[in-house]
Protein backbone atom coordinates (compact mmCIF):
# COMPACT_ATOMS: atom_id res chain seq x y z
CA MET A 1 0.00 0.00 0.00
CA THR A 2 1.19 3.52 -0.66
CA SER A 3 1.44 6.59 1.51
CA LEU A 4 -1.30 8.20 -0.61
CA GLN A 5 -3.66 5.38 0.30
CA ASP A 6 -2.81 5.75 3.98
CA ARG A 7 -3.46 9.48 3.79
CA ASN A 8 -6.78 8.85 2.06
CA ASN A 9 -7.68 6.50 4.85
CA LEU A 10 -6.96 9.13 7.46
CA VAL A 11 -8.96 11.71 5.53
CA ALA A 12 -11.89 9.30 5.34
CA THR A 13 -11.66 8.75 9.08
CA ASN A 14 -11.77 12.46 9.76
CA ASN A 15 -14.63 13.02 7.35
CA SER A 16 -16.70 10.39 9.13
CA ILE A 17 -16.83 12.63 12.19
CA GLU A 18 -18.86 15.82 12.31
CA SER A 19 -16.81 18.85 11.42
CA GLY A 20 -15.44 20.61 14.48
CA ALA A 21 -16.27 17.81 16.88
CA GLU A 22 -13.50 16.85 19.28
CA LEU A 23 -12.68 13.15 19.12
CA ARG A 24 -12.61 11.22 22.37
CA PRO A 25 -9.43 9.20 22.99
CA MET A 26 -11.09 5.89 22.14
CA ASP A 27 -12.54 7.29 18.90
CA ARG A 28 -9.26 8.54 17.45
CA SER A 29 -7.63 6.79 14.54
CA ASP A 30 -5.46 3.82 15.62
CA SER A 31 -6.57 4.08 19.27
CA ALA A 32 -7.41 0.37 19.24
CA THR A 33 -4.05 -0.43 17.65
CA ARG A 34 -2.13 1.37 20.37
CA ILE A 35 -3.99 -0.22 23.29
CA TRP A 36 -3.68 -3.74 21.90
CA LEU A 37 -0.06 -3.28 20.81
CA TYR A 38 1.21 -1.67 24.01
CA SER A 39 -0.68 -4.26 26.08
CA GLY A 40 1.02 -7.02 24.10
CA ILE A 41 4.43 -5.48 24.79
CA PHE A 42 3.61 -5.24 28.50
CA TRP A 43 2.51 -8.87 28.70
CA MET A 44 5.58 -9.95 26.73
CA SER A 45 7.76 -8.56 29.53
CA VAL A 46 5.63 -10.21 32.21
CA THR A 47 5.66 -13.64 30.60
CA MET A 48 9.44 -13.49 30.12
CA LEU A 49 9.94 -12.53 33.77
CA ILE A 50 7.78 -15.46 34.92
CA GLY A 51 9.62 -17.73 32.50
CA LEU A 52 12.94 -16.69 34.03
CA ILE A 53 11.67 -17.52 37.53
CA GLU A 54 10.58 -20.95 36.29
CA ALA A 55 13.96 -21.52 34.63
CA VAL A 56 15.76 -20.81 37.90
CA LYS A 57 13.45 -23.19 39.77
CA LEU A 58 14.45 -26.03 37.42
CA PHE A 59 18.03 -26.08 38.75
CA TYR A 60 17.46 -24.34 42.12
CA PRO A 61 14.11 -25.67 43.42
CA GLU A 62 14.43 -23.76 46.72
CA PHE A 63 14.06 -20.44 44.88
CA LEU A 64 10.92 -18.67 46.21
CA GLN A 65 9.99 -21.87 48.03
CA GLY A 66 7.11 -21.75 50.51
CA ILE A 67 4.89 -19.35 48.54
CA PRO A 68 2.00 -21.41 47.11
CA MET A 69 1.09 -18.86 44.44
CA LEU A 70 4.67 -18.96 43.14
CA ALA A 71 4.95 -22.74 43.00
CA TYR A 72 6.20 -24.06 39.66
CA GLY A 73 2.94 -25.91 39.02
CA ARG A 74 1.01 -22.64 39.17
CA LEU A 75 3.53 -20.35 37.51
CA ARG A 76 3.91 -22.50 34.40
CA PRO A 77 0.26 -22.32 33.25
CA VAL A 78 0.23 -18.59 34.01
CA HIS A 79 3.39 -18.18 31.93
CA ILE A 80 1.83 -20.11 29.04
CA ASN A 81 -1.53 -18.34 29.10
CA ILE A 82 -0.02 -14.86 29.38
CA GLY A 83 2.27 -15.74 26.48
CA LEU A 84 -0.63 -17.00 24.36
CA PHE A 85 -3.44 -14.61 25.25
CA GLY A 86 -1.50 -11.65 26.59
CA PHE A 87 1.72 -11.16 24.65
CA MET A 88 1.09 -12.78 21.27
CA SER A 89 -2.69 -12.44 20.95
CA MET A 90 -2.85 -8.82 22.09
CA GLY A 91 0.30 -7.73 20.28
CA TYR A 92 -0.65 -9.23 16.94
CA LEU A 93 -4.28 -8.11 17.26
CA GLY A 94 -2.82 -4.62 17.61
CA ALA A 95 -1.08 -5.16 14.28
CA THR A 96 -4.34 -6.50 12.84
CA PHE A 97 -6.32 -3.42 13.88
CA TYR A 98 -3.63 -1.37 12.13
CA MET A 99 -3.49 -3.43 8.93
CA VAL A 100 -7.19 -3.98 8.17
CA PRO A 101 -8.16 -0.30 7.68
CA ARG A 102 -5.14 0.28 5.47
CA LEU A 103 -5.60 -2.85 3.39
CA THR A 104 -9.28 -2.04 2.87
CA GLN A 105 -8.82 1.76 2.56
CA THR A 106 -11.69 2.03 5.04
CA PRO A 107 -11.72 3.37 8.62
CA LEU A 108 -12.14 0.74 11.31
CA PHE A 109 -15.85 0.07 11.83
CA SER A 110 -15.57 1.08 15.50
CA GLU A 111 -12.40 2.32 17.15
CA ARG A 112 -14.32 2.48 20.42
CA LEU A 113 -15.34 -1.18 20.23
CA GLY A 114 -11.74 -2.11 19.39
CA SER A 115 -10.46 -0.18 22.41
CA LEU A 116 -13.13 -1.48 24.80
CA THR A 117 -12.46 -5.10 23.84
CA ALA A 118 -8.77 -4.52 24.53
CA TRP A 119 -9.41 -3.22 28.04
CA VAL A 120 -11.87 -6.00 28.83
CA TRP A 121 -9.37 -8.55 27.47
CA ASN A 122 -6.67 -7.17 29.80
CA PHE A 123 -8.82 -7.25 32.95
CA ASN A 124 -10.21 -10.68 32.06
CA LEU A 125 -6.69 -12.07 31.59
CA VAL A 126 -5.66 -10.71 34.99
CA GLY A 127 -8.69 -12.37 36.58
CA GLY A 128 -8.05 -15.69 34.85
CA CYS A 129 -4.37 -15.77 35.84
CA LEU A 130 -5.16 -14.85 39.46
CA GLY A 131 -7.61 -17.74 39.46
CA ILE A 132 -4.83 -20.11 38.36
CA LEU A 133 -2.43 -18.74 40.98
CA MET A 134 -5.07 -19.31 43.68
CA GLY A 135 -5.49 -22.93 42.62
CA TYR A 136 -8.61 -22.76 40.45
CA SER A 137 -6.95 -24.08 37.29
CA LYS A 138 -8.99 -26.47 35.15
CA GLY A 139 -5.86 -28.61 35.09
CA LYS A 140 -5.68 -29.34 31.36
CA GLU A 141 -2.85 -27.95 29.25
CA TYR A 142 -3.65 -24.68 27.43
CA THR A 143 -7.15 -24.61 28.96
CA GLU A 144 -6.13 -23.79 32.54
CA ILE A 145 -7.97 -20.45 32.71
CA PRO A 146 -11.07 -21.10 34.88
CA PHE A 147 -14.69 -20.33 34.08
CA PRO A 148 -16.03 -17.70 33.33
CA PHE A 149 -12.77 -16.05 32.24
CA ASP A 150 -12.16 -18.71 29.59
CA MET A 151 -15.51 -18.18 27.87
CA ILE A 152 -15.15 -14.39 27.99
CA ILE A 153 -12.08 -14.73 25.74
CA GLY A 154 -14.21 -16.55 23.16
CA LEU A 155 -16.91 -13.87 23.33
CA LEU A 156 -14.34 -11.11 22.95
CA VAL A 157 -12.91 -12.74 19.81
CA ILE A 158 -16.44 -12.83 18.36
CA ALA A 159 -16.78 -9.08 19.05
CA ILE A 160 -13.36 -8.46 17.49
CA ALA A 161 -14.32 -10.53 14.46
CA GLY A 162 -17.53 -8.53 14.05
CA ASN A 163 -15.55 -5.28 14.11
CA LEU A 164 -13.05 -6.51 11.54
CA PHE A 165 -15.63 -8.23 9.32
CA SER A 166 -17.70 -5.03 9.21
CA THR A 167 -14.63 -3.07 8.14
CA ILE A 168 -13.75 -5.60 5.43
CA THR A 169 -17.35 -5.70 4.18
CA MET A 170 -17.35 -1.91 3.70
CA ARG A 171 -13.91 -1.89 2.06
CA ARG A 172 -13.08 0.47 -0.79
CA GLU A 173 -10.15 -1.62 -2.02
CA GLN A 174 -11.70 -4.63 -3.75
CA ARG A 175 -8.49 -6.66 -3.96
CA VAL A 176 -7.90 -8.90 -0.95
CA TYR A 177 -4.21 -8.77 -0.11
CA VAL A 178 -2.44 -11.83 1.30
CA SER A 179 -2.34 -10.39 4.84
CA LEU A 180 -6.15 -10.26 4.85
CA TRP A 181 -6.28 -13.93 3.88
CA TYR A 182 -4.31 -14.86 6.98
CA ILE A 183 -6.31 -12.53 9.23
CA LEU A 184 -9.57 -14.08 8.06
CA LEU A 185 -8.15 -17.57 8.58
CA ALA A 186 -7.19 -16.61 12.13
CA ILE A 187 -10.54 -15.20 13.26
CA ILE A 188 -13.11 -17.34 11.41
CA PRO A 189 -12.49 -20.79 12.98
CA PHE A 190 -11.27 -19.55 16.40
CA PRO A 191 -14.64 -19.71 18.24
CA ILE A 192 -15.16 -23.29 17.02
CA TYR A 193 -11.96 -24.94 18.24
CA TYR A 194 -11.65 -22.64 21.26
CA THR A 195 -15.10 -23.62 22.52
CA LEU A 196 -14.45 -27.28 21.71
CA GLY A 197 -11.19 -27.23 23.65
CA ASN A 198 -12.43 -25.31 26.69
CA ALA A 199 -15.96 -26.68 27.08
CA SER A 200 -15.39 -30.31 26.10
CA LYS A 201 -16.76 -33.06 28.32
CA PHE A 202 -14.63 -35.80 26.80
CA SER A 203 -12.49 -38.09 28.92
CA GLY A 204 -9.51 -40.37 28.45
CA ILE A 205 -7.77 -40.52 25.09
CA GLU A 206 -10.66 -38.70 23.35
CA ASP A 207 -9.99 -35.76 25.65
CA ALA A 208 -6.28 -35.83 24.75
CA ILE A 209 -7.02 -35.88 21.01
CA ILE A 210 -9.49 -32.98 21.31
CA ASN A 211 -7.11 -31.01 23.53
CA TRP A 212 -4.24 -31.29 21.06
CA PHE A 213 -6.54 -30.46 18.16
CA TYR A 214 -7.48 -27.27 20.03
CA SER A 215 -4.02 -26.32 21.25
CA HIS A 216 -2.26 -26.88 17.94
CA ASN A 217 -4.84 -24.77 16.14
CA LEU A 218 -4.38 -22.11 18.80
CA PHE A 219 -0.70 -21.93 17.90
CA GLY A 220 -0.91 -22.55 14.16
CA ILE A 221 -4.24 -21.16 12.94
CA TRP A 222 -4.53 -18.30 15.45
CA LEU A 223 -1.09 -17.02 16.40
CA THR A 224 1.00 -18.15 13.43
CA THR A 225 -1.40 -16.73 10.86
CA LEU A 226 -1.61 -13.37 12.65
CA GLY A 227 2.20 -13.28 12.74
CA LEU A 228 2.51 -14.18 9.05
CA ALA A 229 -0.11 -11.58 8.15
CA THR A 230 2.01 -8.97 9.92
CA LEU A 231 5.22 -9.99 8.14
CA TYR A 232 3.49 -10.12 4.76
CA TYR A 233 2.33 -6.55 5.36
CA ILE A 234 5.47 -4.87 6.68
CA VAL A 235 8.31 -6.63 4.81
CA PRO A 236 7.42 -5.27 1.31
CA LYS A 237 7.18 -1.81 2.86
CA GLN A 238 10.48 -2.17 4.69
CA VAL A 239 12.32 -3.10 1.46
CA ASN A 240 10.15 -0.81 -0.72
CA LYS A 241 9.34 -3.44 -3.33
CA PRO A 242 6.41 -5.80 -4.01
CA LEU A 243 6.07 -9.28 -2.62
CA TYR A 244 8.10 -11.79 -4.63
CA SER A 245 5.15 -13.89 -5.85
CA HIS A 246 1.39 -13.66 -5.34
CA ILE A 247 0.98 -17.20 -6.69
CA VAL A 248 3.49 -18.63 -4.20
CA SER A 249 1.69 -16.87 -1.35
CA PHE A 250 -1.55 -18.42 -2.60
CA VAL A 251 0.01 -21.91 -2.45
CA GLY A 252 1.48 -21.24 0.99
CA PHE A 253 -1.81 -19.99 2.41
CA TRP A 254 -4.07 -22.79 1.19
CA SER A 255 -1.62 -25.57 2.01
CA LEU A 256 -1.24 -24.20 5.56
CA ALA A 257 -5.02 -23.96 5.93
CA ALA A 258 -5.41 -27.54 4.68
CA PHE A 259 -2.63 -29.28 6.61
CA TYR A 260 -2.05 -27.43 9.88
CA PRO A 261 -5.38 -28.22 11.63
CA TRP A 262 -4.52 -31.95 11.67
CA ASN A 263 -1.03 -31.61 13.19
CA GLY A 264 -2.11 -31.90 16.83
CA GLY A 265 -2.29 -35.67 16.74
CA HIS A 266 1.50 -36.02 16.57
CA HIS A 267 1.51 -35.25 20.31
CA VAL A 268 -0.26 -38.54 21.01
CA ILE A 269 1.88 -40.75 18.75
CA TRP A 270 2.55 -44.11 20.42
CA GLY A 271 -0.37 -43.46 22.74
CA PRO A 272 -3.53 -45.60 22.98
CA VAL A 273 -5.04 -44.02 19.85
CA PRO A 274 -6.10 -45.58 16.54
CA MET A 275 -3.25 -45.98 14.07
CA TRP A 276 -5.12 -43.96 11.45
CA VAL A 277 -5.08 -40.94 13.81
CA MET A 278 -1.30 -41.20 14.13
CA THR A 279 -0.83 -41.75 10.41
CA ALA A 280 -3.07 -38.84 9.43
CA SER A 281 -1.28 -36.50 11.83
CA VAL A 282 2.21 -37.56 10.73
CA THR A 283 1.17 -37.15 7.07
CA ALA A 284 -0.23 -33.68 7.71
CA SER A 285 2.89 -32.70 9.68
CA ILE A 286 5.20 -33.80 6.87
CA ALA A 287 2.95 -32.02 4.34
CA MET A 288 3.61 -28.79 6.27
CA PHE A 289 6.84 -28.68 4.31
CA VAL A 290 4.77 -27.22 1.43
CA PRO A 291 3.60 -23.98 3.12
CA THR A 292 6.94 -23.66 4.89
CA PHE A 293 8.84 -23.91 1.61
CA ALA A 294 6.40 -21.48 -0.06
CA THR A 295 6.97 -18.95 2.72
CA MET A 296 10.72 -19.48 2.47
CA VAL A 297 10.65 -18.80 -1.27
CA ASN A 298 8.38 -15.78 -0.96
CA PHE A 299 10.23 -13.99 1.83
CA GLY A 300 13.60 -15.07 0.51
CA GLY A 301 12.79 -13.72 -2.94
CA THR A 302 11.47 -10.46 -1.47
CA ALA A 303 14.51 -10.04 0.76
CA TRP A 304 17.03 -10.87 -1.98
CA GLY A 305 19.44 -7.99 -2.54
CA THR A 306 18.40 -6.00 0.53
CA TRP A 307 21.66 -6.18 2.50
CA ALA A 308 21.98 -2.39 2.65
CA ILE A 309 18.46 -2.05 4.06
CA MET A 310 19.17 -4.72 6.68
CA GLN A 311 22.22 -2.80 7.84
CA ARG A 312 20.34 0.44 8.46
CA ASP A 313 16.81 -0.77 9.36
CA ILE A 314 16.82 -2.66 12.67
CA GLY A 315 13.10 -3.38 12.41
CA TYR A 316 13.75 -5.16 9.12
CA ARG A 317 16.41 -7.29 10.81
CA PHE A 318 13.80 -8.44 13.30
CA SER A 319 11.46 -9.29 10.41
CA LEU A 320 14.16 -11.49 8.88
CA MET A 321 14.85 -13.09 12.25
CA ALA A 322 11.16 -13.89 12.65
CA TYR A 323 10.97 -15.32 9.13
CA ALA A 324 14.08 -17.49 9.59
CA CYS A 325 12.86 -18.83 12.94
CA TYR A 326 9.41 -19.55 11.51
CA VAL A 327 10.98 -21.68 8.79
CA GLY A 328 13.31 -23.37 11.28
CA ALA A 329 10.56 -24.12 13.81
CA SER A 330 8.24 -25.47 11.10
CA LEU A 331 10.86 -27.80 9.62
CA TRP A 332 11.87 -28.86 13.13
CA GLY A 333 8.24 -29.70 13.94
CA THR A 334 7.97 -31.75 10.76
CA GLY A 335 11.07 -33.71 11.77
CA LEU A 336 9.79 -34.35 15.30
CA ALA A 337 6.58 -35.79 13.84
CA VAL A 338 8.51 -38.66 12.24
CA MET A 339 7.54 -41.62 14.41
CA SER A 340 11.06 -42.91 15.11
CA LEU A 341 12.32 -39.48 16.19
CA ASN A 342 9.10 -38.82 18.09
CA ALA A 343 9.62 -41.96 20.17
CA LYS A 344 13.07 -40.77 21.20
CA LEU A 345 12.63 -37.02 21.63
CA HIS A 346 8.99 -36.09 22.19
CA PHE A 347 9.05 -36.06 26.00
CA THR A 348 12.43 -34.34 26.26
CA ASN A 349 13.66 -30.76 26.24
CA MET A 350 13.97 -31.05 22.46
CA THR A 351 10.26 -30.25 22.27
CA ILE A 352 10.80 -27.27 24.60
CA ALA A 353 13.54 -26.01 22.28
CA HIS A 354 11.26 -26.43 19.24
CA VAL A 355 8.34 -24.59 20.86
CA HIS A 356 10.52 -21.71 21.99
CA LEU A 357 12.12 -21.33 18.58
CA GLY A 358 8.59 -20.54 17.43
CA PHE A 359 7.58 -18.53 20.51
CA LEU A 360 10.82 -16.61 21.12
CA GLY A 361 12.23 -16.75 17.61
CA PHE A 362 9.11 -16.04 15.55
CA GLY A 363 6.60 -14.44 17.91
CA VAL A 364 8.87 -11.97 19.69
CA PRO A 365 10.87 -10.59 16.71
CA GLY A 366 7.73 -10.36 14.55
CA LEU A 367 5.94 -8.18 17.09
CA ILE A 368 9.08 -6.11 17.67
CA ALA A 369 9.47 -5.57 13.92
CA PHE A 370 5.91 -4.29 13.68
CA THR A 371 6.39 -2.01 16.71
CA TYR A 372 9.47 -0.37 15.22
CA PHE A 373 7.62 -0.10 11.90
CA TYR A 374 4.62 1.54 13.57
CA ILE A 375 6.76 4.02 15.48
CA GLU A 376 8.67 5.13 12.39
CA ARG A 377 6.05 4.95 9.64
CA SER A 378 2.83 5.95 11.43
CA LEU A 379 3.85 7.91 14.51
CA LYS A 380 6.70 9.51 12.49
CA LEU A 381 9.06 9.20 15.46
CA LYS A 382 12.68 8.12 15.64
CA TYR A 383 13.66 5.66 18.36
CA SER A 384 17.16 5.40 19.85
CA ARG A 385 19.33 3.44 17.45
CA PRO A 386 21.98 2.47 20.06
CA LEU A 387 19.29 0.99 22.32
CA ALA A 388 17.73 -0.81 19.36
CA GLU A 389 21.13 -2.26 18.34
CA TRP A 390 21.70 -3.60 21.83
CA HIS A 391 18.16 -4.91 21.85
CA PHE A 392 18.66 -6.80 18.59
CA TRP A 393 21.92 -8.49 19.53
CA LEU A 394 20.81 -9.39 23.07
CA THR A 395 17.59 -10.88 21.69
CA MET A 396 19.45 -12.92 19.06
CA LEU A 397 22.09 -14.13 21.54
CA GLY A 398 19.44 -15.11 24.08
CA ILE A 399 17.31 -17.00 21.56
CA VAL A 400 20.29 -18.92 20.17
CA GLY A 401 21.51 -19.77 23.68
CA TYR A 402 18.08 -20.93 24.79
CA VAL A 403 17.33 -23.10 21.75
CA VAL A 404 20.80 -24.66 21.56
CA SER A 405 20.99 -25.47 25.29
CA MET A 406 17.53 -27.06 25.35
CA GLY A 407 18.16 -28.88 22.06
CA ILE A 408 21.35 -30.48 23.39
CA SER A 409 19.63 -31.29 26.68
CA GLY A 410 16.81 -33.01 24.79
CA TRP A 411 19.21 -35.11 22.76
CA VAL A 412 21.07 -36.13 25.93
CA GLU A 413 17.77 -37.13 27.56
CA GLY A 414 16.50 -39.04 24.54
CA SER A 415 19.76 -40.90 24.08
CA ALA A 416 19.87 -41.88 27.74
CA TRP A 417 16.27 -43.13 27.75
CA GLU A 418 16.88 -45.00 24.51
CA ALA A 419 19.79 -46.77 26.23
CA GLY A 420 17.46 -47.88 29.04
CA ASN A 421 18.35 -45.30 31.70
CA SER A 422 15.60 -43.82 33.88
CA PRO A 423 14.51 -40.18 33.51
CA GLN A 424 15.83 -39.48 37.02
CA GLY A 425 19.25 -40.65 35.88
CA THR A 426 19.56 -37.75 33.45
CA MET A 427 18.90 -35.01 36.01
CA VAL A 428 22.58 -34.42 36.79
CA ASP A 429 23.41 -34.40 33.07
CA ARG A 430 20.71 -31.80 32.43
CA TYR A 431 21.83 -29.41 35.18
CA PRO A 432 24.31 -27.28 33.17
CA TYR A 433 21.85 -26.95 30.30
CA HIS A 434 19.15 -25.67 32.65
CA VAL A 435 21.61 -23.09 33.98
CA ALA A 436 22.42 -22.07 30.38
CA ARG A 437 18.66 -21.83 29.71
CA ALA A 438 18.17 -19.43 32.61
CA ILE A 439 21.14 -17.28 31.56
CA SER A 440 19.82 -17.14 27.99
CA GLY A 441 16.37 -16.18 29.28
CA LEU A 442 17.93 -13.40 31.35
CA ILE A 443 19.74 -12.09 28.25
CA VAL A 444 16.48 -12.03 26.27
CA LEU A 445 14.70 -10.29 29.17
CA LEU A 446 17.43 -7.63 29.37
CA GLY A 447 17.02 -7.01 25.65
CA GLN A 448 13.27 -6.54 26.04
CA PHE A 449 13.85 -4.17 28.96
CA LEU A 450 15.89 -1.99 26.59
CA PHE A 451 13.12 -2.31 23.99
CA VAL A 452 10.37 -1.23 26.39
CA THR A 453 12.54 1.66 27.61
CA ASN A 454 13.16 2.73 24.02
CA VAL A 455 9.47 2.57 23.08
CA VAL A 456 8.26 4.42 26.19
CA LYS A 457 10.84 7.20 25.84
CA THR A 458 10.15 7.56 22.12
CA VAL A 459 6.35 7.78 22.22
CA ASN A 460 6.44 10.12 25.23
CA ALA A 461 9.19 12.41 23.92
CA PRO A 462 8.24 16.09 23.47
CA ALA A 463 7.33 16.74 19.85
CA ALA A 464 9.92 19.47 19.51
CA LEU A 465 12.70 17.11 20.57
CA THR A 466 11.63 14.16 18.39
CA GLU A 467 13.59 13.54 15.21
CA THR A 468 11.56 12.51 12.19
CA ALA A 469 12.45 9.10 10.82
CA PRO A 470 14.40 9.35 7.51
CA ASP A 471 12.01 7.07 5.65
CA ALA A 472 8.85 7.98 7.52
CA LEU A 473 7.07 9.22 4.41
CA GLN A 474 7.59 5.95 2.50
CA SER A 475 4.90 4.03 4.39
């Protein structure tokens, strides 16, 4: 999209309000974007802090011992749910509320509704996590948030979908850009699998199959698609050239939509499930190579020859980091679905390394890239480059340290179990890797502290002292 289109969008927004009327804060353009985005950044810091506490407890169990609300068994589900519904959901919904009006050349149907849903989402998440800390968890992975807080999330997504659908329906731009495809894929099926996962009355292995169907779609059809939509939007703007191939993006989108929903079953391989369930899941997991390869070709082709831009644009570096980690995590997941490897590595730290390559490597840099993009291109502000440089290198170092340490630990565990040793027998061997994990987490957290400091100081800087970004007018 061009700067002219963005300006037309802003003009349309202003014309929709009576002349001379003063806009309330929640009615101003991009008010929903800012609340969702800044909330996501806040929750990102919180979930990383909790994750660091958990990492320390793994090699020093006496840390914060004696406080029931800070027991590992309560902190872990809070860490997961804040990461899913706080950091990634809120952050990438902020990007979505930014992208949809610009891709449709139409003002958001209701900025006020977008802002109100953000505030309700925040307070509801606090209530749900306090419930878990007080011992009211439902006790099933990724569905720990107790009633009624769990169902409120589903209702809020329906309200968000109504806001976005209304905007898309009234669009002036008739072409549907690839980012809109992914946004629609994220919000359309969410109420179905979310309700199925949180309100199911199944038991035994049926419950496990349904739970992994829900949780894998939560990661792949909700969070991954919102992240890819964001990268598909900002990367062509960052390099100032069109996407490499519309046809390749078409193949990547439809193959992901077809194969990803059936991946969850590879978490119950070798369990008491029908063989056809295992076979179907393994087949779908291996078939995920198609959308992964399509994304690799598309972003690789778009990024080809952009070395000079990467050197000067730190936000673009984070986009490339997110893209590379998405490809790596996807291929890694395909490999772990192979039944022989799954038998050896599934219940080890190798799975933790794989998940965090997606969470830390794809989710975090993607949201950071959009934040830097938003600050420069829309707010027309210039953040501190030295802080951003430190932020980038600390984030990269921490992610590499985390994934490598957990990957090696997982291989050590799997090899020991394969040789007939008990899980307890590997605890001493795993100790140094858990220490390395905590140190890597601390490095990532320090990087995000610099990021939050940079963002807060930039957006609150006096206008007279704020330097305009060199390429601010190219959005």
